[in-house]
Amino acid sequence: FVDLYRRNRTSPIVELTSNSDAVAEDPLQRAAAEGNEEDRLH
């Protein structure tokens, strides 16, 4: 991970996509959204 992070950080290619999809893909947040229990969600 560190090797790839360093390589990407110094790469001249800039990724144009936002990281907003990462929130929707978060397993914890997805599980919270699927649950009906308000306390669990909070």
PDB file of all heavy atoms in Angstrom:
ATOM      1  N   PHE A   1       0.836  -1.199   0.000  1.00  0.00           N
ATOM      2  CA  PHE A   1       0.000   0.000   0.000  1.00  0.00           C
ATOM      3  C   PHE A   1       0.870   1.247   0.000  1.00  0.00           C
ATOM      4  O   PHE A   1       0.635   2.182  -0.769  1.00  0.00           O
ATOM      5  CB  PHE A   1      -0.943   0.010   1.217  1.00  0.00           C
ATOM      6  CG  PHE A   1      -1.564   1.349   1.471  1.00  0.00           C
ATOM      7  CD1 PHE A   1      -2.553   1.847   0.641  1.00  0.00           C
ATOM      8  CD2 PHE A   1      -1.146   2.132   2.542  1.00  0.00           C
ATOM      9  CE1 PHE A   1      -3.124   3.096   0.873  1.00  0.00           C
ATOM     10  CE2 PHE A   1      -1.706   3.374   2.780  1.00  0.00           C
ATOM     11  CZ  PHE A   1      -2.691   3.857   1.934  1.00  0.00           C
ATOM     12  N   VAL A   2       1.875   1.283   0.853  1.00  0.00           N
ATOM     13  CA  VAL A   2       2.772   2.441   0.936  1.00  0.00           C
ATOM     14  C   VAL A   2       3.493   2.637  -0.389  1.00  0.00           C
ATOM     15  O   VAL A   2       3.599   3.763  -0.886  1.00  0.00           O
ATOM     16  CB  VAL A   2       3.766   2.291   2.107  1.00  0.00           C
ATOM     17  CG1 VAL A   2       4.851   3.351   2.052  1.00  0.00           C
ATOM     18  CG2 VAL A   2       3.017   2.351   3.437  1.00  0.00           C
ATOM     19  N   ASP A   3       3.979   1.550  -0.982  1.00  0.00           N
ATOM     20  CA  ASP A   3       4.658   1.654  -2.278  1.00  0.00           C
ATOM     21  C   ASP A   3       3.741   2.257  -3.339  1.00  0.00           C
ATOM     22  O   ASP A   3       4.141   3.143  -4.094  1.00  0.00           O
ATOM     23  CB  ASP A   3       5.143   0.282  -2.752  1.00  0.00           C
ATOM     24  CG  ASP A   3       6.290  -0.264  -1.933  1.00  0.00           C
ATOM     25  OD1 ASP A   3       6.920   0.515  -1.177  1.00  0.00           O
ATOM     26  OD2 ASP A   3       6.550  -1.482  -2.026  1.00  0.00           O
ATOM     27  N   LEU A   4       2.518   1.742  -3.409  1.00  0.00           N
ATOM     28  CA  LEU A   4       1.573   2.249  -4.414  1.00  0.00           C
ATOM     29  C   LEU A   4       1.163   3.687  -4.124  1.00  0.00           C
ATOM     30  O   LEU A   4       0.998   4.486  -5.048  1.00  0.00           O
ATOM     31  CB  LEU A   4       0.344   1.344  -4.476  1.00  0.00           C
ATOM     32  CG  LEU A   4       0.597  -0.056  -5.024  1.00  0.00           C
ATOM     33  CD1 LEU A   4      -0.644  -0.923  -4.878  1.00  0.00           C
ATOM     34  CD2 LEU A   4       1.062  -0.008  -6.465  1.00  0.00           C
ATOM     35  N   TYR A   5       1.005   4.021  -2.852  1.00  0.00           N
ATOM     36  CA  TYR A   5       0.651   5.392  -2.470  1.00  0.00           C
ATOM     37  C   TYR A   5       1.748   6.364  -2.905  1.00  0.00           C
ATOM     38  O   TYR A   5       1.464   7.409  -3.478  1.00  0.00           O
ATOM     39  CB  TYR A   5       0.426   5.479  -0.964  1.00  0.00           C
ATOM     40  CG  TYR A   5       0.190   6.885  -0.481  1.00  0.00           C
ATOM     41  CD1 TYR A   5      -1.045   7.495  -0.648  1.00  0.00           C
ATOM     42  CD2 TYR A   5       1.209   7.613   0.128  1.00  0.00           C
ATOM     43  CE1 TYR A   5      -1.266   8.791  -0.212  1.00  0.00           C
ATOM     44  CE2 TYR A   5       0.995   8.911   0.564  1.00  0.00           C
ATOM     45  CZ  TYR A   5      -0.232   9.494   0.390  1.00  0.00           C
ATOM     46  OH  TYR A   5      -0.450  10.777   0.815  1.00  0.00           O
ATOM     47  N   ARG A   6       2.974   5.993  -2.636  1.00  0.00           N
ATOM     48  CA  ARG A   6       4.096   6.863  -3.030  1.00  0.00           C
ATOM     49  C   ARG A   6       4.171   7.011  -4.541  1.00  0.00           C
ATOM     50  O   ARG A   6       4.414   8.093  -5.051  1.00  0.00           O
ATOM     51  CB  ARG A   6       5.412   6.305  -2.494  1.00  0.00           C
ATOM     52  CG  ARG A   6       5.566   6.487  -1.009  1.00  0.00           C
ATOM     53  CD  ARG A   6       6.854   5.899  -0.511  1.00  0.00           C
ATOM     54  NE  ARG A   6       6.956   6.040   0.936  1.00  0.00           N
ATOM     55  CZ  ARG A   6       7.666   5.259   1.703  1.00  0.00           C
ATOM     56  NH1 ARG A   6       8.373   4.265   1.192  1.00  0.00           N
ATOM     57  NH2 ARG A   6       7.695   5.442   3.002  1.00  0.00           N
ATOM     58  N   ARG A   7       3.955   5.915  -5.247  1.00  0.00           N
ATOM     59  CA  ARG A   7       4.004   5.968  -6.712  1.00  0.00           C
ATOM     60  C   ARG A   7       2.890   6.857  -7.248  1.00  0.00           C
ATOM     61  O   ARG A   7       3.111   7.686  -8.128  1.00  0.00           O
ATOM     62  CB  ARG A   7       3.873   4.572  -7.308  1.00  0.00           C
ATOM     63  CG  ARG A   7       3.943   4.603  -8.827  1.00  0.00           C
ATOM     64  CD  ARG A   7       3.745   3.266  -9.480  1.00  0.00           C
ATOM     65  NE  ARG A   7       4.617   2.257  -8.918  1.00  0.00           N
ATOM     66  CZ  ARG A   7       4.322   0.962  -8.896  1.00  0.00           C
ATOM     67  NH1 ARG A   7       3.188   0.538  -9.392  1.00  0.00           N
ATOM     68  NH2 ARG A   7       5.153   0.091  -8.390  1.00  0.00           N
ATOM     69  N   ASN A   8       1.681   6.701  -6.715  1.00  0.00           N
ATOM     70  CA  ASN A   8       0.550   7.510  -7.187  1.00  0.00           C
ATOM     71  C   ASN A   8       0.709   8.978  -6.828  1.00  0.00           C
ATOM     72  O   ASN A   8       0.277   9.852  -7.571  1.00  0.00           O
ATOM     73  CB  ASN A   8      -0.761   6.976  -6.610  1.00  0.00           C
ATOM     74  CG  ASN A   8      -1.139   5.643  -7.206  1.00  0.00           C
ATOM     75  OD1 ASN A   8      -0.669   5.268  -8.272  1.00  0.00           O
ATOM     76  ND2 ASN A   8      -1.975   4.907  -6.501  1.00  0.00           N
ATOM     77  N   ARG A   9       1.310   9.243  -5.677  1.00  0.00           N
ATOM     78  CA  ARG A   9       1.491  10.628  -5.232  1.00  0.00           C
ATOM     79  C   ARG A   9       2.452  11.375  -6.145  1.00  0.00           C
ATOM     80  O   ARG A   9       2.291  12.560  -6.382  1.00  0.00           O
ATOM     81  CB  ARG A   9       2.009  10.634  -3.797  1.00  0.00           C
ATOM     82  CG  ARG A   9       2.001  11.999  -3.168  1.00  0.00           C
ATOM     83  CD  ARG A   9       2.489  11.962  -1.767  1.00  0.00           C
ATOM     84  NE  ARG A   9       3.879  11.485  -1.794  1.00  0.00           N
ATOM     85  CZ  ARG A   9       4.592  11.213  -0.733  1.00  0.00           C
ATOM     86  NH1 ARG A   9       4.084  11.331   0.445  1.00  0.00           N
ATOM     87  NH2 ARG A   9       5.835  10.792  -0.838  1.00  0.00           N
ATOM     88  N   THR A  10       3.434  10.684  -6.678  1.00  0.00           N
ATOM     89  CA  THR A  10       4.412  11.333  -7.549  1.00  0.00           C
ATOM     90  C   THR A  10       4.077  11.190  -9.032  1.00  0.00           C
ATOM     91  O   THR A  10       4.797  11.697  -9.868  1.00  0.00           O
ATOM     92  CB  THR A  10       5.828  10.761  -7.301  1.00  0.00           C
ATOM     93  OG1 THR A  10       5.819   9.362  -7.571  1.00  0.00           O
ATOM     94  CG2 THR A  10       6.267  11.022  -5.872  1.00  0.00           C
ATOM     95  N   SER A  11       2.985  10.523  -9.323  1.00  0.00           N
ATOM     96  CA  SER A  11       2.582  10.319 -10.703  1.00  0.00           C
ATOM     97  C   SER A  11       2.062  11.617 -11.306  1.00  0.00           C
ATOM     98  O   SER A  11       1.337  12.367 -10.655  1.00  0.00           O
ATOM     99  CB  SER A  11       1.494   9.247 -10.772  1.00  0.00           C
ATOM    100  OG  SER A  11       0.979   9.165 -12.081  1.00  0.00           O
ATOM    101  N   PRO A  12       2.381  11.888 -12.582  1.00  0.00           N
ATOM    102  CA  PRO A  12       1.857  13.097 -13.226  1.00  0.00           C
ATOM    103  C   PRO A  12       0.392  12.953 -13.623  1.00  0.00           C
ATOM    104  O   PRO A  12      -0.253  13.922 -13.984  1.00  0.00           O
ATOM    105  CB  PRO A  12       2.740  13.234 -14.464  1.00  0.00           C
ATOM    106  CG  PRO A  12       3.198  11.847 -14.760  1.00  0.00           C
ATOM    107  CD  PRO A  12       3.316  11.171 -13.429  1.00  0.00           C
ATOM    108  N   ILE A  13      -0.143  11.743 -13.523  1.00  0.00           N
ATOM    109  CA  ILE A  13      -1.533  11.514 -13.889  1.00  0.00           C
ATOM    110  C   ILE A  13      -2.411  11.832 -12.681  1.00  0.00           C
ATOM    111  O   ILE A  13      -2.217  11.308 -11.598  1.00  0.00           O
ATOM    112  CB  ILE A  13      -1.756  10.054 -14.320  1.00  0.00           C
ATOM    113  CG1 ILE A  13      -0.892   9.739 -15.540  1.00  0.00           C
ATOM    114  CG2 ILE A  13      -3.229   9.800 -14.599  1.00  0.00           C
ATOM    115  CD1 ILE A  13      -0.898   8.293 -15.931  1.00  0.00           C
ATOM    116  N   VAL A  14      -3.379  12.704 -12.879  1.00  0.00           N
ATOM    117  CA  VAL A  14      -4.289  13.090 -11.804  1.00  0.00           C
ATOM    118  C   VAL A  14      -5.635  12.434 -12.067  1.00  0.00           C
ATOM    119  O   VAL A  14      -6.203  12.581 -13.145  1.00  0.00           O
ATOM    120  CB  VAL A  14      -4.464  14.626 -11.747  1.00  0.00           C
ATOM    121  CG1 VAL A  14      -5.465  15.007 -10.675  1.00  0.00           C
ATOM    122  CG2 VAL A  14      -3.130  15.294 -11.531  1.00  0.00           C
ATOM    123  N   GLU A  15      -6.124  11.713 -11.076  1.00  0.00           N
ATOM    124  CA  GLU A  15      -7.416  11.067 -11.228  1.00  0.00           C
ATOM    125  C   GLU A  15      -8.516  12.103 -11.095  1.00  0.00           C
ATOM    126  O   GLU A  15      -8.529  12.902 -10.169  1.00  0.00           O
ATOM    127  CB  GLU A  15      -7.580   9.990 -10.154  1.00  0.00           C
ATOM    128  CG  GLU A  15      -8.755   9.097 -10.415  1.00  0.00           C
ATOM    129  CD  GLU A  15      -8.757   7.900  -9.488  1.00  0.00           C
ATOM    130  OE1 GLU A  15      -7.691   7.354  -9.221  1.00  0.00           O
ATOM    131  OE2 GLU A  15      -9.857   7.542  -9.055  1.00  0.00           O
ATOM    132  N   LEU A  16      -9.450  12.088 -12.048  1.00  0.00           N
ATOM    133  CA  LEU A  16     -10.490  13.102 -12.092  1.00  0.00           C
ATOM    134  C   LEU A  16     -11.740  12.708 -11.327  1.00  0.00           C
ATOM    135  O   LEU A  16     -12.634  13.523 -11.155  1.00  0.00           O
ATOM    136  CB  LEU A  16     -10.857  13.402 -13.549  1.00  0.00           C
ATOM    137  CG  LEU A  16      -9.718  13.985 -14.390  1.00  0.00           C
ATOM    138  CD1 LEU A  16     -10.163  14.155 -15.826  1.00  0.00           C
ATOM    139  CD2 LEU A  16      -9.249  15.308 -13.812  1.00  0.00           C
ATOM    140  N   THR A  17     -11.832  11.463 -10.878  1.00  0.00           N
ATOM    141  CA  THR A  17     -13.032  11.052 -10.153  1.00  0.00           C
ATOM    142  C   THR A  17     -12.935  11.485  -8.717  1.00  0.00           C
ATOM    143  O   THR A  17     -11.862  11.575  -8.146  1.00  0.00           O
ATOM    144  CB  THR A  17     -13.196   9.523 -10.217  1.00  0.00           C
ATOM    145  OG1 THR A  17     -12.060   8.922  -9.602  1.00  0.00           O
ATOM    146  CG2 THR A  17     -13.359   9.037 -11.627  1.00  0.00           C
ATOM    147  N   SER A  18     -14.088  11.756  -8.137  1.00  0.00           N
ATOM    148  CA  SER A  18     -14.109  12.158  -6.732  1.00  0.00           C
ATOM    149  C   SER A  18     -14.136  10.926  -5.854  1.00  0.00           C
ATOM    150  O   SER A  18     -14.413   9.829  -6.316  1.00  0.00           O
ATOM    151  CB  SER A  18     -15.324  13.026  -6.448  1.00  0.00           C
ATOM    152  OG  SER A  18     -16.487  12.231  -6.461  1.00  0.00           O
ATOM    153  N   ASN A  19     -13.894  11.116  -4.585  1.00  0.00           N
ATOM    154  CA  ASN A  19     -13.907  10.023  -3.624  1.00  0.00           C
ATOM    155  C   ASN A  19     -15.276   9.898  -2.962  1.00  0.00           C
ATOM    156  O   ASN A  19     -15.425   9.240  -1.961  1.00  0.00           O
ATOM    157  CB  ASN A  19     -12.809  10.240  -2.569  1.00  0.00           C
ATOM    158  CG  ASN A  19     -12.462   8.969  -1.837  1.00  0.00           C
ATOM    159  OD1 ASN A  19     -12.768   7.879  -2.301  1.00  0.00           O
ATOM    160  ND2 ASN A  19     -11.834   9.108  -0.696  1.00  0.00           N
ATOM    161  N   SER A  20     -16.310  10.515  -3.534  1.00  0.00           N
ATOM    162  CA  SER A  20     -17.633  10.483  -2.927  1.00  0.00           C
ATOM    163  C   SER A  20     -18.236   9.092  -2.954  1.00  0.00           C
ATOM    164  O   SER A  20     -19.073   8.761  -2.131  1.00  0.00           O
ATOM    165  CB  SER A  20     -18.568  11.470  -3.626  1.00  0.00           C
ATOM    166  OG  SER A  20     -18.704  11.121  -4.981  1.00  0.00           O
ATOM    167  N   ASP A  21     -17.834   8.254  -3.915  1.00  0.00           N
ATOM    168  CA  ASP A  21     -18.345   6.887  -3.976  1.00  0.00           C
ATOM    169  C   ASP A  21     -17.857   6.056  -2.805  1.00  0.00           C
ATOM    170  O   ASP A  21     -18.482   5.069  -2.441  1.00  0.00           O
ATOM    171  CB  ASP A  21     -17.920   6.208  -5.281  1.00  0.00           C
ATOM    172  CG  ASP A  21     -18.594   6.832  -6.488  1.00  0.00           C
ATOM    173  OD1 ASP A  21     -19.656   7.469  -6.309  1.00  0.00           O
ATOM    174  OD2 ASP A  21     -18.060   6.687  -7.599  1.00  0.00           O
ATOM    175  N   ALA A  22     -16.734   6.425  -2.208  1.00  0.00           N
ATOM    176  CA  ALA A  22     -16.167   5.644  -1.104  1.00  0.00           C
ATOM    177  C   ALA A  22     -17.114   5.610   0.080  1.00  0.00           C
ATOM    178  O   ALA A  22     -17.199   4.610   0.775  1.00  0.00           O
ATOM    179  CB  ALA A  22     -14.819   6.215  -0.685  1.00  0.00           C
ATOM    180  N   VAL A  23     -17.863   6.691   0.314  1.00  0.00           N
ATOM    181  CA  VAL A  23     -18.798   6.709   1.435  1.00  0.00           C
ATOM    182  C   VAL A  23     -19.916   5.707   1.191  1.00  0.00           C
ATOM    183  O   VAL A  23     -20.307   4.963   2.080  1.00  0.00           O
ATOM    184  CB  VAL A  23     -19.365   8.125   1.653  1.00  0.00           C
ATOM    185  CG1 VAL A  23     -20.450   8.120   2.704  1.00  0.00           C
ATOM    186  CG2 VAL A  23     -18.242   9.074   2.038  1.00  0.00           C
ATOM    187  N   ALA A  24     -20.423   5.669  -0.037  1.00  0.00           N
ATOM    188  CA  ALA A  24     -21.505   4.743  -0.352  1.00  0.00           C
ATOM    189  C   ALA A  24     -21.034   3.297  -0.296  1.00  0.00           C
ATOM    190  O   ALA A  24     -21.821   2.396  -0.052  1.00  0.00           O
ATOM    191  CB  ALA A  24     -22.062   5.054  -1.737  1.00  0.00           C
ATOM    192  N   GLU A  25     -19.732   3.049  -0.525  1.00  0.00           N
ATOM    193  CA  GLU A  25     -19.205   1.704  -0.515  1.00  0.00           C
ATOM    194  C   GLU A  25     -18.765   1.257   0.881  1.00  0.00           C
ATOM    195  O   GLU A  25     -18.402   0.126   1.074  1.00  0.00           O
ATOM    196  CB  GLU A  25     -18.000   1.607  -1.457  1.00  0.00           C
ATOM    197  CG  GLU A  25     -18.361   1.844  -2.901  1.00  0.00           C
ATOM    198  CD  GLU A  25     -17.137   1.967  -3.785  1.00  0.00           C
ATOM    199  OE1 GLU A  25     -16.023   1.956  -3.251  1.00  0.00           O
ATOM    200  OE2 GLU A  25     -17.303   2.067  -4.993  1.00  0.00           O
ATOM    201  N   ASP A  26     -18.784   2.139   1.851  1.00  0.00           N
ATOM    202  CA  ASP A  26     -18.348   1.822   3.200  1.00  0.00           C
ATOM    203  C   ASP A  26     -19.262   0.747   3.781  1.00  0.00           C
ATOM    204  O   ASP A  26     -20.450   0.977   3.954  1.00  0.00           O
ATOM    205  CB  ASP A  26     -18.382   3.082   4.066  1.00  0.00           C
ATOM    206  CG  ASP A  26     -17.860   2.838   5.468  1.00  0.00           C
ATOM    207  OD1 ASP A  26     -17.579   1.689   5.845  1.00  0.00           O
ATOM    208  OD2 ASP A  26     -17.744   3.831   6.202  1.00  0.00           O
ATOM    209  N   PRO A  27     -18.724  -0.442   4.102  1.00  0.00           N
ATOM    210  CA  PRO A  27     -19.562  -1.523   4.612  1.00  0.00           C
ATOM    211  C   PRO A  27     -20.298  -1.142   5.894  1.00  0.00           C
ATOM    212  O   PRO A  27     -21.437  -1.530   6.099  1.00  0.00           O
ATOM    213  CB  PRO A  27     -18.569  -2.656   4.869  1.00  0.00           C
ATOM    214  CG  PRO A  27     -17.374  -2.338   4.063  1.00  0.00           C
ATOM    215  CD  PRO A  27     -17.339  -0.848   3.928  1.00  0.00           C
ATOM    216  N   LEU A  28     -19.654  -0.369   6.766  1.00  0.00           N
ATOM    217  CA  LEU A  28     -20.293   0.037   8.007  1.00  0.00           C
ATOM    218  C   LEU A  28     -21.486   0.940   7.730  1.00  0.00           C
ATOM    219  O   LEU A  28     -22.567   0.746   8.274  1.00  0.00           O
ATOM    220  CB  LEU A  28     -19.280   0.753   8.909  1.00  0.00           C
ATOM    221  CG  LEU A  28     -19.783   1.204  10.273  1.00  0.00           C
ATOM    222  CD1 LEU A  28     -20.244   0.006  11.085  1.00  0.00           C
ATOM    223  CD2 LEU A  28     -18.697   1.956  11.000  1.00  0.00           C
ATOM    224  N   GLN A  29     -21.309   1.923   6.855  1.00  0.00           N
ATOM    225  CA  GLN A  29     -22.405   2.827   6.533  1.00  0.00           C
ATOM    226  C   GLN A  29     -23.500   2.109   5.747  1.00  0.00           C
ATOM    227  O   GLN A  29     -24.680   2.375   5.926  1.00  0.00           O
ATOM    228  CB  GLN A  29     -21.892   4.035   5.761  1.00  0.00           C
ATOM    229  CG  GLN A  29     -21.096   4.966   6.641  1.00  0.00           C
ATOM    230  CD  GLN A  29     -20.717   6.247   5.941  1.00  0.00           C
ATOM    231  OE1 GLN A  29     -21.055   6.465   4.787  1.00  0.00           O
ATOM    232  NE2 GLN A  29     -20.009   7.100   6.643  1.00  0.00           N
ATOM    233  N   ARG A  30     -23.110   1.183   4.872  1.00  0.00           N
ATOM    234  CA  ARG A  30     -24.105   0.433   4.107  1.00  0.00           C
ATOM    235  C   ARG A  30     -24.947  -0.425   5.055  1.00  0.00           C
ATOM    236  O   ARG A  30     -26.167  -0.477   4.956  1.00  0.00           O
ATOM    237  CB  ARG A  30     -23.421  -0.434   3.052  1.00  0.00           C
ATOM    238  CG  ARG A  30     -24.406  -1.093   2.113  1.00  0.00           C
ATOM    239  CD  ARG A  30     -23.750  -1.819   0.946  1.00  0.00           C
ATOM    240  NE  ARG A  30     -22.749  -2.756   1.372  1.00  0.00           N
ATOM    241  CZ  ARG A  30     -21.444  -2.646   1.106  1.00  0.00           C
ATOM    242  NH1 ARG A  30     -21.001  -1.623   0.423  1.00  0.00           N
ATOM    243  NH2 ARG A  30     -20.586  -3.552   1.517  1.00  0.00           N
ATOM    244  N   ALA A  31     -24.292  -1.081   6.032  1.00  0.00           N
ATOM    245  CA  ALA A  31     -25.015  -1.894   7.006  1.00  0.00           C
ATOM    246  C   ALA A  31     -25.947  -1.030   7.837  1.00  0.00           C
ATOM    247  O   ALA A  31     -27.073  -1.426   8.147  1.00  0.00           O
ATOM    248  CB  ALA A  31     -24.035  -2.629   7.909  1.00  0.00           C
ATOM    249  N   ALA A  32     -25.495   0.159   8.195  1.00  0.00           N
ATOM    250  CA  ALA A  32     -26.333   1.073   8.976  1.00  0.00           C
ATOM    251  C   ALA A  32     -27.546   1.507   8.167  1.00  0.00           C
ATOM    252  O   ALA A  32     -28.645   1.611   8.701  1.00  0.00           O
ATOM    253  CB  ALA A  32     -25.521   2.284   9.414  1.00  0.00           C
ATOM    254  N   ALA A  33     -27.338   1.765   6.879  1.00  0.00           N
ATOM    255  CA  ALA A  33     -28.442   2.219   6.035  1.00  0.00           C
ATOM    256  C   ALA A  33     -29.473   1.111   5.822  1.00  0.00           C
ATOM    257  O   ALA A  33     -30.663   1.387   5.702  1.00  0.00           O
ATOM    258  CB  ALA A  33     -27.897   2.694   4.686  1.00  0.00           C
ATOM    259  N   GLU A  34     -29.025  -0.141   5.798  1.00  0.00           N
ATOM    260  CA  GLU A  34     -29.939  -1.255   5.573  1.00  0.00           C
ATOM    261  C   GLU A  34     -30.726  -1.604   6.836  1.00  0.00           C
ATOM    262  O   GLU A  34     -31.794  -2.173   6.761  1.00  0.00           O
ATOM    263  CB  GLU A  34     -29.163  -2.473   5.082  1.00  0.00           C
ATOM    264  CG  GLU A  34     -28.589  -2.277   3.697  1.00  0.00           C
ATOM    265  CD  GLU A  34     -27.639  -3.392   3.298  1.00  0.00           C
ATOM    266  OE1 GLU A  34     -27.388  -4.297   4.117  1.00  0.00           O
ATOM    267  OE2 GLU A  34     -27.135  -3.353   2.163  1.00  0.00           O
ATOM    268  N   GLY A  35     -30.193  -1.279   7.989  1.00  0.00           N
ATOM    269  CA  GLY A  35     -30.871  -1.597   9.248  1.00  0.00           C
ATOM    270  C   GLY A  35     -32.031  -0.662   9.498  1.00  0.00           C
ATOM    271  O   GLY A  35     -32.060   0.473   9.052  1.00  0.00           O
ATOM    272  N   ASN A  36     -33.021  -1.145  10.226  1.00  0.00           N
ATOM    273  CA  ASN A  36     -34.185  -0.333  10.539  1.00  0.00           C
ATOM    274  C   ASN A  36     -34.124   0.236  11.944  1.00  0.00           C
ATOM    275  O   ASN A  36     -34.995   1.000  12.328  1.00  0.00           O
ATOM    276  CB  ASN A  36     -35.462  -1.160  10.374  1.00  0.00           C
ATOM    277  CG  ASN A  36     -35.699  -1.536   8.934  1.00  0.00           C
ATOM    278  OD1 ASN A  36     -35.307  -0.790   8.040  1.00  0.00           O
ATOM    279  ND2 ASN A  36     -36.309  -2.677   8.705  1.00  0.00           N
ATOM    280  N   GLU A  37     -33.151  -0.131  12.698  1.00  0.00           N
ATOM    281  CA  GLU A  37     -33.061   0.297  14.080  1.00  0.00           C
ATOM    282  C   GLU A  37     -32.366   1.651  14.156  1.00  0.00           C
ATOM    283  O   GLU A  37     -31.204   1.781  13.820  1.00  0.00           O
ATOM    284  CB  GLU A  37     -32.308  -0.746  14.893  1.00  0.00           C
ATOM    285  CG  GLU A  37     -32.931  -2.118  14.811  1.00  0.00           C
ATOM    286  CD  GLU A  37     -31.999  -3.189  15.325  1.00  0.00           C
ATOM    287  OE1 GLU A  37     -30.984  -2.847  15.950  1.00  0.00           O
ATOM    288  OE2 GLU A  37     -32.294  -4.357  15.075  1.00  0.00           O
ATOM    289  N   GLU A  38     -33.093   2.637  14.633  1.00  0.00           N
ATOM    290  CA  GLU A  38     -32.575   4.001  14.682  1.00  0.00           C
ATOM    291  C   GLU A  38     -31.362   4.128  15.602  1.00  0.00           C
ATOM    292  O   GLU A  38     -30.384   4.806  15.264  1.00  0.00           O
ATOM    293  CB  GLU A  38     -33.675   4.958  15.135  1.00  0.00           C
ATOM    294  CG  GLU A  38     -33.319   6.404  14.968  1.00  0.00           C
ATOM    295  CD  GLU A  38     -34.485   7.306  15.274  1.00  0.00           C
ATOM    296  OE1 GLU A  38     -35.626   6.951  14.932  1.00  0.00           O
ATOM    297  OE2 GLU A  38     -34.237   8.373  15.848  1.00  0.00           O
ATOM    298  N   ASP A  39     -31.392   3.451  16.725  1.00  0.00           N
ATOM    299  CA  ASP A  39     -30.266   3.513  17.660  1.00  0.00           C
ATOM    300  C   ASP A  39     -29.001   2.940  17.037  1.00  0.00           C
ATOM    301  O   ASP A  39     -27.912   3.498  17.195  1.00  0.00           O
ATOM    302  CB  ASP A  39     -30.582   2.752  18.950  1.00  0.00           C
ATOM    303  CG  ASP A  39     -31.654   3.434  19.773  1.00  0.00           C
ATOM    304  OD1 ASP A  39     -31.869   4.654  19.560  1.00  0.00           O
ATOM    305  OD2 ASP A  39     -32.268   2.760  20.611  1.00  0.00           O
ATOM    306  N   ARG A  40     -29.154   1.843  16.338  1.00  0.00           N
ATOM    307  CA  ARG A  40     -28.009   1.209  15.688  1.00  0.00           C
ATOM    308  C   ARG A  40     -27.412   2.129  14.626  1.00  0.00           C
ATOM    309  O   ARG A  40     -26.201   2.266  14.505  1.00  0.00           O
ATOM    310  CB  ARG A  40     -28.437  -0.117  15.077  1.00  0.00           C
ATOM    311  CG  ARG A  40     -27.294  -0.920  14.524  1.00  0.00           C
ATOM    312  CD  ARG A  40     -27.771  -2.300  14.131  1.00  0.00           C
ATOM    313  NE  ARG A  40     -27.024  -2.692  12.960  1.00  0.00           N
ATOM    314  CZ  ARG A  40     -27.470  -3.473  12.024  1.00  0.00           C
ATOM    315  NH1 ARG A  40     -28.678  -3.983  12.108  1.00  0.00           N
ATOM    316  NH2 ARG A  40     -26.726  -3.775  10.999  1.00  0.00           N
ATOM    317  N   LEU A  41     -28.274   2.777  13.909  1.00  0.00           N
ATOM    318  CA  LEU A  41     -27.830   3.710  12.880  1.00  0.00           C
ATOM    319  C   LEU A  41     -27.023   4.853  13.491  1.00  0.00           C
ATOM    320  O   LEU A  41     -25.947   5.193  13.008  1.00  0.00           O
ATOM    321  CB  LEU A  41     -29.028   4.266  12.116  1.00  0.00           C
ATOM    322  CG  LEU A  41     -28.742   5.347  11.084  1.00  0.00           C
ATOM    323  CD1 LEU A  41     -27.854   4.811   9.984  1.00  0.00           C
ATOM    324  CD2 LEU A  41     -30.035   5.877  10.516  1.00  0.00           C
ATOM    325  N   HIS A  42     -27.543   5.431  14.562  1.00  0.00           N
ATOM    326  CA  HIS A  42     -26.827   6.531  15.219  1.00  0.00           C
ATOM    327  C   HIS A  42     -25.483   6.073  15.766  1.00  0.00           C
ATOM    328  O   HIS A  42     -24.483   6.792  15.655  1.00  0.00           O
ATOM    329  CB  HIS A  42     -27.681   7.139  16.340  1.00  0.00           C
ATOM    330  CG  HIS A  42     -28.848   7.912  15.847  1.00  0.00           C
ATOM    331  ND1 HIS A  42     -28.726   9.022  15.035  1.00  0.00           N
ATOM    332  CD2 HIS A  42     -30.175   7.736  16.024  1.00  0.00           C
ATOM    333  CE1 HIS A  42     -29.922   9.493  14.737  1.00  0.00           C
ATOM    334  NE2 HIS A  42     -30.821   8.728  15.322  1.00  0.00           N
TER     335      HIS A  42
END
